[in-house]
Amino acid sequence: MYAYRVMQLKPGRSGLGGPNDFGTDEGQDDDGETWGSEKIMRVIRAMGASDVLVIVSRWYGGQLLGPVRFEHITHVARAALQKHLDLEVIHEYRVRLQKLDESICAMKNVMKHSDPYENLTLDRARRLVVARSKTLATLRRKHSEEVNTNVAQQELSRI
């Protein structure tokens, strides 16, 4: 069963007239699970999502679930949609971080042409070596944790 909700231009509109030029189109199909797609549509509306298609599959395992099946349908639809919405936000942050990283790299390149250690004193040199060493150790530890987490996730996905 599925339900979808998309934002689209209203007939005869260009989109330049602002929000009133747009409307939503919704659709759903129960595929024999009476009221199932309506539960999915309620989740989509409640979460304020648009431009989404949520599909929920159900296998009959020999046991009738009765009305509790609607709770399962709602829960699965909400979890899937929340995961999608979270990934969209993460993507936006990823783009921002990449732009910030590019700016940082550009600034570092500018700074490379001048010697940042030109007026280095012995005391400052010692502090910088300690700070850089700690930074490097932290980065190595984080990298090791990420590798271990990825390995653990791969092992769990095999189970």
N, C-alpha and C. Protein backbone atom coordinates (compact mmCIF):
# COMPACT_ATOMS: atom_id res chain seq x y z
N MET A 1 0.85 -1.17 0.00
CA MET A 1 0.00 0.00 0.00
C MET A 1 0.89 1.22 0.00
N TYR A 2 0.38 2.33 -0.53
CA TYR A 2 1.20 3.53 -0.60
C TYR A 2 0.33 4.77 -0.52
N ALA A 3 0.99 5.88 -0.23
CA ALA A 3 0.37 7.20 -0.30
C ALA A 3 1.45 8.17 -0.72
N TYR A 4 1.04 9.18 -1.49
CA TYR A 4 2.00 10.19 -1.91
C TYR A 4 1.39 11.57 -1.77
N ARG A 5 2.27 12.54 -1.65
CA ARG A 5 1.86 13.95 -1.57
C ARG A 5 2.95 14.76 -2.25
N VAL A 6 2.56 15.50 -3.28
CA VAL A 6 3.53 16.30 -4.03
C VAL A 6 3.04 17.73 -4.17
N MET A 7 4.00 18.64 -4.21
CA MET A 7 3.72 20.05 -4.47
C MET A 7 3.78 20.25 -5.97
N GLN A 8 2.80 20.95 -6.53
CA GLN A 8 2.80 21.16 -7.97
C GLN A 8 2.20 22.53 -8.29
N LEU A 9 2.50 23.00 -9.49
CA LEU A 9 1.92 24.26 -9.96
C LEU A 9 0.44 24.08 -10.22
N LYS A 10 -0.33 25.08 -9.88
CA LYS A 10 -1.75 25.06 -10.22
C LYS A 10 -1.88 25.32 -11.72
N PRO A 11 -2.93 24.81 -12.34
CA PRO A 11 -3.10 25.02 -13.78
C PRO A 11 -3.11 26.52 -14.14
N GLY A 12 -2.39 26.86 -15.20
CA GLY A 12 -2.35 28.23 -15.67
C GLY A 12 -1.45 29.15 -14.87
N ARG A 13 -0.69 28.63 -13.93
CA ARG A 13 0.19 29.45 -13.11
C ARG A 13 1.65 29.21 -13.53
N SER A 14 2.49 30.20 -13.24
CA SER A 14 3.90 30.11 -13.64
C SER A 14 4.82 29.80 -12.47
N GLY A 15 4.34 30.02 -11.27
CA GLY A 15 5.19 29.84 -10.10
C GLY A 15 5.82 31.14 -9.65
N LEU A 16 5.74 32.17 -10.49
CA LEU A 16 6.32 33.47 -10.15
C LEU A 16 5.40 34.30 -9.26
N GLY A 17 4.17 33.85 -9.11
CA GLY A 17 3.20 34.57 -8.30
C GLY A 17 3.27 34.25 -6.82
N GLY A 18 4.24 33.43 -6.44
CA GLY A 18 4.40 33.11 -5.02
C GLY A 18 3.71 31.82 -4.64
N PRO A 19 3.55 31.62 -3.34
CA PRO A 19 3.01 30.37 -2.81
C PRO A 19 1.60 30.03 -3.32
N ASN A 20 0.82 31.04 -3.66
CA ASN A 20 -0.54 30.77 -4.13
C ASN A 20 -0.56 30.11 -5.50
N ASP A 21 0.57 30.08 -6.20
CA ASP A 21 0.64 29.41 -7.50
C ASP A 21 0.76 27.89 -7.36
N PHE A 22 0.96 27.43 -6.14
CA PHE A 22 1.21 26.01 -5.91
C PHE A 22 0.08 25.37 -5.10
N GLY A 23 -0.09 24.09 -5.32
CA GLY A 23 -1.05 23.30 -4.57
C GLY A 23 -0.46 21.91 -4.35
N THR A 24 -1.17 21.09 -3.63
CA THR A 24 -0.68 19.73 -3.40
C THR A 24 -1.56 18.74 -4.15
N ASP A 25 -0.93 17.69 -4.59
CA ASP A 25 -1.64 16.57 -5.20
C ASP A 25 -1.36 15.37 -4.31
N GLU A 26 -2.41 14.67 -3.97
CA GLU A 26 -2.27 13.51 -3.10
C GLU A 26 -2.91 12.30 -3.75
N GLY A 27 -2.39 11.14 -3.43
CA GLY A 27 -2.97 9.91 -3.92
C GLY A 27 -2.58 8.76 -3.02
N GLN A 28 -3.32 7.68 -3.14
CA GLN A 28 -3.04 6.52 -2.29
C GLN A 28 -3.70 5.28 -2.88
N ASP A 29 -3.20 4.13 -2.46
CA ASP A 29 -3.79 2.86 -2.88
C ASP A 29 -3.62 1.86 -1.75
N ASP A 30 -4.72 1.23 -1.35
CA ASP A 30 -4.72 0.26 -0.26
C ASP A 30 -4.19 -1.10 -0.69
N ASP A 31 -4.31 -1.42 -1.94
CA ASP A 31 -3.96 -2.75 -2.45
C ASP A 31 -4.61 -3.86 -1.62
N GLY A 32 -5.88 -3.65 -1.30
CA GLY A 32 -6.63 -4.67 -0.58
C GLY A 32 -6.60 -4.56 0.93
N GLU A 33 -5.73 -3.72 1.47
CA GLU A 33 -5.64 -3.53 2.93
C GLU A 33 -6.50 -2.31 3.27
N THR A 34 -7.80 -2.53 3.42
CA THR A 34 -8.75 -1.44 3.61
C THR A 34 -8.29 -0.48 4.70
N TRP A 35 -8.27 0.80 4.37
CA TRP A 35 -7.88 1.91 5.24
C TRP A 35 -6.38 2.00 5.50
N GLY A 36 -5.60 1.08 4.97
CA GLY A 36 -4.15 1.09 5.22
C GLY A 36 -3.48 2.33 4.65
N SER A 37 -3.80 2.67 3.40
CA SER A 37 -3.14 3.84 2.80
C SER A 37 -3.61 5.14 3.44
N GLU A 38 -4.81 5.15 3.99
CA GLU A 38 -5.29 6.35 4.69
C GLU A 38 -4.44 6.61 5.93
N LYS A 39 -4.03 5.55 6.61
CA LYS A 39 -3.14 5.70 7.78
C LYS A 39 -1.81 6.30 7.35
N ILE A 40 -1.29 5.85 6.21
CA ILE A 40 -0.03 6.39 5.69
C ILE A 40 -0.20 7.87 5.34
N MET A 41 -1.31 8.21 4.69
CA MET A 41 -1.56 9.61 4.31
C MET A 41 -1.67 10.50 5.54
N ARG A 42 -2.28 10.01 6.60
CA ARG A 42 -2.38 10.80 7.83
C ARG A 42 -1.00 11.11 8.39
N VAL A 43 -0.10 10.15 8.31
CA VAL A 43 1.27 10.36 8.79
C VAL A 43 1.95 11.44 7.94
N ILE A 44 1.81 11.34 6.63
CA ILE A 44 2.42 12.32 5.72
C ILE A 44 1.92 13.72 6.03
N ARG A 45 0.62 13.85 6.18
CA ARG A 45 0.03 15.17 6.47
C ARG A 45 0.48 15.67 7.84
N ALA A 46 0.45 14.79 8.85
CA ALA A 46 0.81 15.19 10.21
C ALA A 46 2.26 15.67 10.29
N MET A 47 3.13 15.07 9.47
CA MET A 47 4.54 15.45 9.49
C MET A 47 4.83 16.61 8.54
N GLY A 48 3.80 17.06 7.83
CA GLY A 48 3.95 18.20 6.93
C GLY A 48 4.87 17.93 5.76
N ALA A 49 4.94 16.69 5.32
CA ALA A 49 5.85 16.32 4.24
C ALA A 49 5.20 16.54 2.89
N SER A 50 6.04 16.87 1.91
CA SER A 50 5.57 16.95 0.54
C SER A 50 6.66 16.40 -0.37
N ASP A 51 6.28 16.11 -1.59
CA ASP A 51 7.20 15.50 -2.56
C ASP A 51 7.73 14.17 -2.03
N VAL A 52 6.83 13.38 -1.46
CA VAL A 52 7.20 12.08 -0.91
C VAL A 52 6.21 11.00 -1.36
N LEU A 53 6.73 9.80 -1.41
CA LEU A 53 5.94 8.60 -1.65
C LEU A 53 6.34 7.62 -0.55
N VAL A 54 5.37 7.19 0.23
CA VAL A 54 5.64 6.26 1.32
C VAL A 54 4.94 4.95 0.99
N ILE A 55 5.72 3.87 0.97
CA ILE A 55 5.20 2.55 0.65
C ILE A 55 5.38 1.66 1.88
N VAL A 56 4.32 0.95 2.22
CA VAL A 56 4.38 -0.01 3.33
C VAL A 56 3.95 -1.36 2.78
N SER A 57 4.79 -2.36 2.96
CA SER A 57 4.46 -3.72 2.52
C SER A 57 4.10 -4.55 3.73
N ARG A 58 3.19 -5.49 3.54
CA ARG A 58 2.78 -6.39 4.62
C ARG A 58 2.68 -7.80 4.07
N TRP A 59 3.30 -8.70 4.77
CA TRP A 59 3.20 -10.11 4.41
C TRP A 59 2.27 -10.80 5.38
N TYR A 60 1.46 -11.66 4.86
CA TYR A 60 0.59 -12.45 5.72
C TYR A 60 1.38 -13.64 6.22
N GLY A 61 1.55 -13.70 7.52
CA GLY A 61 2.34 -14.77 8.13
C GLY A 61 1.49 -15.85 8.77
N GLY A 62 0.21 -15.92 8.42
CA GLY A 62 -0.65 -16.96 8.95
C GLY A 62 -1.42 -16.54 10.19
N GLN A 63 -1.18 -15.31 10.65
CA GLN A 63 -1.88 -14.85 11.85
C GLN A 63 -2.57 -13.53 11.55
N LEU A 64 -3.86 -13.47 11.84
CA LEU A 64 -4.61 -12.23 11.65
C LEU A 64 -4.25 -11.25 12.77
N LEU A 65 -3.92 -10.03 12.40
CA LEU A 65 -3.52 -9.04 13.40
C LEU A 65 -4.67 -8.19 13.91
N GLY A 66 -5.74 -8.13 13.15
CA GLY A 66 -6.87 -7.32 13.56
C GLY A 66 -6.54 -5.85 13.49
N PRO A 67 -7.20 -5.04 14.31
CA PRO A 67 -7.00 -3.59 14.26
C PRO A 67 -5.57 -3.12 14.60
N VAL A 68 -4.82 -3.95 15.30
CA VAL A 68 -3.45 -3.55 15.66
C VAL A 68 -2.58 -3.37 14.42
N ARG A 69 -3.00 -3.94 13.29
CA ARG A 69 -2.22 -3.79 12.06
C ARG A 69 -2.09 -2.33 11.66
N PHE A 70 -3.11 -1.52 11.98
CA PHE A 70 -3.06 -0.10 11.64
C PHE A 70 -1.98 0.63 12.46
N GLU A 71 -1.78 0.19 13.70
CA GLU A 71 -0.70 0.77 14.51
C GLU A 71 0.65 0.46 13.88
N HIS A 72 0.79 -0.77 13.40
CA HIS A 72 2.04 -1.17 12.74
C HIS A 72 2.27 -0.37 11.46
N ILE A 73 1.22 -0.22 10.67
CA ILE A 73 1.32 0.54 9.42
C ILE A 73 1.73 1.99 9.73
N THR A 74 1.06 2.60 10.70
CA THR A 74 1.37 3.98 11.09
C THR A 74 2.79 4.11 11.59
N HIS A 75 3.19 3.18 12.45
CA HIS A 75 4.55 3.23 13.02
C HIS A 75 5.62 3.10 11.94
N VAL A 76 5.45 2.17 11.04
CA VAL A 76 6.43 1.94 9.97
C VAL A 76 6.48 3.15 9.03
N ALA A 77 5.31 3.68 8.67
CA ALA A 77 5.27 4.84 7.78
C ALA A 77 5.96 6.03 8.44
N ARG A 78 5.68 6.27 9.72
CA ARG A 78 6.29 7.39 10.44
C ARG A 78 7.81 7.21 10.53
N ALA A 79 8.26 6.02 10.83
CA ALA A 79 9.71 5.78 10.95
C ALA A 79 10.41 5.98 9.60
N ALA A 80 9.81 5.47 8.53
CA ALA A 80 10.42 5.61 7.21
C ALA A 80 10.46 7.08 6.79
N LEU A 81 9.36 7.79 7.00
CA LEU A 81 9.31 9.19 6.61
C LEU A 81 10.27 10.03 7.46
N GLN A 82 10.36 9.75 8.75
CA GLN A 82 11.28 10.50 9.61
C GLN A 82 12.72 10.27 9.18
N LYS A 83 13.05 9.05 8.82
CA LYS A 83 14.40 8.75 8.33
C LYS A 83 14.70 9.56 7.07
N HIS A 84 13.73 9.61 6.16
CA HIS A 84 13.89 10.39 4.92
C HIS A 84 14.08 11.87 5.23
N LEU A 85 13.25 12.43 6.11
CA LEU A 85 13.36 13.84 6.44
C LEU A 85 14.68 14.15 7.12
N ASP A 86 15.13 13.26 7.99
CA ASP A 86 16.44 13.44 8.64
C ASP A 86 17.56 13.44 7.62
N LEU A 87 17.49 12.53 6.64
CA LEU A 87 18.53 12.48 5.61
C LEU A 87 18.55 13.75 4.76
N GLU A 88 17.37 14.33 4.52
CA GLU A 88 17.33 15.60 3.79
C GLU A 88 18.04 16.70 4.57
N VAL A 89 17.80 16.77 5.87
CA VAL A 89 18.45 17.79 6.70
C VAL A 89 19.96 17.54 6.75
N ILE A 90 20.35 16.27 6.90
CA ILE A 90 21.78 15.94 6.92
C ILE A 90 22.43 16.37 5.60
N HIS A 91 21.73 16.16 4.48
CA HIS A 91 22.27 16.56 3.18
C HIS A 91 22.51 18.07 3.15
N GLU A 92 21.57 18.85 3.67
CA GLU A 92 21.73 20.31 3.70
C GLU A 92 22.95 20.69 4.54
N TYR A 93 23.12 20.05 5.70
CA TYR A 93 24.28 20.32 6.54
C TYR A 93 25.58 19.90 5.84
N ARG A 94 25.53 18.77 5.14
CA ARG A 94 26.71 18.30 4.42
C ARG A 94 27.15 19.33 3.38
N VAL A 95 26.19 19.88 2.65
CA VAL A 95 26.51 20.91 1.64
C VAL A 95 27.12 22.13 2.31
N ARG A 96 26.53 22.57 3.43
CA ARG A 96 27.07 23.73 4.15
C ARG A 96 28.48 23.46 4.65
N LEU A 97 28.68 22.25 5.20
CA LEU A 97 30.01 21.90 5.72
C LEU A 97 31.04 21.87 4.60
N GLN A 98 30.66 21.33 3.44
CA GLN A 98 31.59 21.28 2.32
C GLN A 98 31.98 22.69 1.87
N LYS A 99 31.02 23.61 1.84
CA LYS A 99 31.32 24.99 1.47
C LYS A 99 32.24 25.64 2.50
N LEU A 100 31.97 25.38 3.78
CA LEU A 100 32.83 25.92 4.83
C LEU A 100 34.25 25.34 4.72
N ASP A 101 34.33 24.03 4.45
CA ASP A 101 35.65 23.39 4.28
C ASP A 101 36.41 24.01 3.12
N GLU A 102 35.70 24.27 2.02
CA GLU A 102 36.34 24.90 0.86
C GLU A 102 36.87 26.29 1.23
N SER A 103 36.09 27.04 1.99
CA SER A 103 36.53 28.37 2.41
C SER A 103 37.74 28.29 3.33
N ILE A 104 37.73 27.31 4.23
CA ILE A 104 38.86 27.12 5.14
C ILE A 104 40.11 26.77 4.35
N CYS A 105 39.97 25.85 3.40
CA CYS A 105 41.12 25.46 2.56
C CYS A 105 41.65 26.66 1.78
N ALA A 106 40.74 27.47 1.24
CA ALA A 106 41.17 28.66 0.49
C ALA A 106 41.93 29.61 1.40
N MET A 107 41.43 29.79 2.62
CA MET A 107 42.13 30.68 3.57
C MET A 107 43.48 30.10 3.95
N LYS A 108 43.56 28.80 4.12
CA LYS A 108 44.84 28.18 4.46
C LYS A 108 45.85 28.37 3.33
N ASN A 109 45.36 28.26 2.08
CA ASN A 109 46.25 28.48 0.94
C ASN A 109 46.78 29.91 0.92
N VAL A 110 45.91 30.86 1.27
CA VAL A 110 46.33 32.25 1.34
C VAL A 110 47.40 32.40 2.42
N MET A 111 47.15 31.73 3.54
CA MET A 111 48.08 31.84 4.66
C MET A 111 49.40 31.12 4.38
N LYS A 112 49.38 30.09 3.54
CA LYS A 112 50.60 29.35 3.22
C LYS A 112 51.63 30.24 2.54
N HIS A 113 51.15 31.20 1.79
CA HIS A 113 52.07 32.07 1.07
C HIS A 113 52.81 33.01 2.02
N SER A 114 52.24 33.20 3.20
CA SER A 114 52.97 33.94 4.22
C SER A 114 53.41 32.92 5.27
N ASP A 115 54.47 33.17 5.95
CA ASP A 115 54.99 32.23 6.94
C ASP A 115 54.32 32.47 8.28
N PRO A 116 53.41 31.57 8.71
CA PRO A 116 52.72 31.78 9.98
C PRO A 116 53.65 31.63 11.18
N TYR A 117 54.82 31.08 10.95
CA TYR A 117 55.77 30.87 12.04
C TYR A 117 56.93 31.86 11.97
N GLU A 118 56.74 32.94 11.27
CA GLU A 118 57.81 33.92 11.06
C GLU A 118 58.30 34.50 12.37
N ASN A 119 57.40 34.87 13.25
CA ASN A 119 57.77 35.48 14.54
C ASN A 119 57.63 34.47 15.67
N LEU A 120 58.04 33.25 15.42
CA LEU A 120 57.88 32.15 16.37
C LEU A 120 58.87 32.31 17.52
N THR A 121 58.34 32.22 18.73
CA THR A 121 59.21 32.20 19.92
C THR A 121 59.29 30.76 20.40
N LEU A 122 60.25 30.48 21.24
CA LEU A 122 60.44 29.12 21.75
C LEU A 122 59.21 28.67 22.54
N ASP A 123 58.68 29.55 23.39
CA ASP A 123 57.51 29.21 24.19
C ASP A 123 56.30 28.93 23.30
N ARG A 124 56.08 29.79 22.31
CA ARG A 124 54.95 29.60 21.40
C ARG A 124 55.13 28.33 20.57
N ALA A 125 56.32 28.03 20.14
CA ALA A 125 56.60 26.83 19.38
C ALA A 125 56.26 25.59 20.18
N ARG A 126 56.65 25.56 21.44
CA ARG A 126 56.34 24.41 22.31
C ARG A 126 54.82 24.24 22.46
N ARG A 127 54.11 25.34 22.69
CA ARG A 127 52.65 25.28 22.85
C ARG A 127 51.98 24.79 21.57
N LEU A 128 52.46 25.28 20.43
CA LEU A 128 51.87 24.86 19.15
C LEU A 128 52.11 23.38 18.88
N VAL A 129 53.29 22.88 19.21
CA VAL A 129 53.57 21.45 19.00
C VAL A 129 52.65 20.61 19.87
N VAL A 130 52.44 21.01 21.12
CA VAL A 130 51.54 20.27 22.02
C VAL A 130 50.11 20.32 21.47
N ALA A 131 49.68 21.50 21.06
CA ALA A 131 48.31 21.64 20.54
C ALA A 131 48.11 20.81 19.28
N ARG A 132 49.06 20.88 18.36
CA ARG A 132 48.94 20.11 17.11
C ARG A 132 48.97 18.61 17.40
N SER A 133 49.80 18.18 18.33
CA SER A 133 49.88 16.76 18.69
C SER A 133 48.56 16.27 19.27
N LYS A 134 47.94 17.07 20.12
CA LYS A 134 46.65 16.70 20.70
C LYS A 134 45.56 16.65 19.62
N THR A 135 45.59 17.61 18.71
CA THR A 135 44.62 17.62 17.62
C THR A 135 44.76 16.37 16.77
N LEU A 136 45.99 16.03 16.43
CA LEU A 136 46.24 14.84 15.62
C LEU A 136 45.79 13.58 16.35
N ALA A 137 46.08 13.48 17.65
CA ALA A 137 45.66 12.31 18.43
C ALA A 137 44.13 12.20 18.47
N THR A 138 43.46 13.34 18.62
CA THR A 138 41.99 13.34 18.64
C THR A 138 41.43 12.90 17.29
N LEU A 139 42.00 13.42 16.21
CA LEU A 139 41.54 13.03 14.87
C LEU A 139 41.77 11.54 14.62
N ARG A 140 42.91 11.02 15.05
CA ARG A 140 43.18 9.58 14.88
C ARG A 140 42.20 8.74 15.68
N ARG A 141 41.90 9.18 16.92
CA ARG A 141 40.95 8.45 17.76
C ARG A 141 39.56 8.46 17.14
N LYS A 142 39.12 9.61 16.65
CA LYS A 142 37.80 9.70 16.02
C LYS A 142 37.74 8.83 14.77
N HIS A 143 38.81 8.84 13.98
CA HIS A 143 38.84 8.00 12.78
C HIS A 143 38.75 6.53 13.16
N SER A 144 39.47 6.14 14.18
CA SER A 144 39.44 4.75 14.64
C SER A 144 38.03 4.37 15.13
N GLU A 145 37.37 5.28 15.85
CA GLU A 145 36.01 5.02 16.33
C GLU A 145 35.04 4.87 15.17
N GLU A 146 35.19 5.72 14.13
CA GLU A 146 34.32 5.63 12.97
C GLU A 146 34.53 4.31 12.23
N VAL A 147 35.78 3.89 12.10
CA VAL A 147 36.07 2.62 11.43
C VAL A 147 35.45 1.48 12.22
N ASN A 148 35.60 1.49 13.54
CA ASN A 148 35.03 0.44 14.38
C ASN A 148 33.51 0.43 14.30
N THR A 149 32.89 1.61 14.27
CA THR A 149 31.43 1.71 14.16
C THR A 149 30.97 1.15 12.83
N ASN A 150 31.66 1.50 11.75
CA ASN A 150 31.28 1.00 10.42
C ASN A 150 31.41 -0.51 10.35
N VAL A 151 32.47 -1.07 10.92
CA VAL A 151 32.65 -2.52 10.93
C VAL A 151 31.53 -3.18 11.71
N ALA A 152 31.18 -2.61 12.87
CA ALA A 152 30.11 -3.17 13.69
C ALA A 152 28.77 -3.12 12.97
N GLN A 153 28.51 -2.01 12.27
CA GLN A 153 27.26 -1.90 11.52
C GLN A 153 27.20 -2.91 10.39
N GLN A 154 28.32 -3.14 9.73
CA GLN A 154 28.35 -4.13 8.66
C GLN A 154 28.09 -5.52 9.21
N GLU A 155 28.67 -5.82 10.36
CA GLU A 155 28.45 -7.13 10.99
C GLU A 155 26.98 -7.30 11.36
N LEU A 156 26.36 -6.24 11.92
CA LEU A 156 24.95 -6.32 12.30
C LEU A 156 24.04 -6.50 11.08
N SER A 157 24.41 -5.86 9.98
CA SER A 157 23.56 -5.95 8.79
C SER A 157 23.62 -7.36 8.19
N ARG A 158 24.67 -8.09 8.48
CA ARG A 158 24.78 -9.47 7.97
C ARG A 158 23.91 -10.43 8.76
N ILE A 159 23.57 -10.06 9.98
CA ILE A 159 22.80 -10.96 10.88
C ILE A 159 21.36 -11.03 10.45
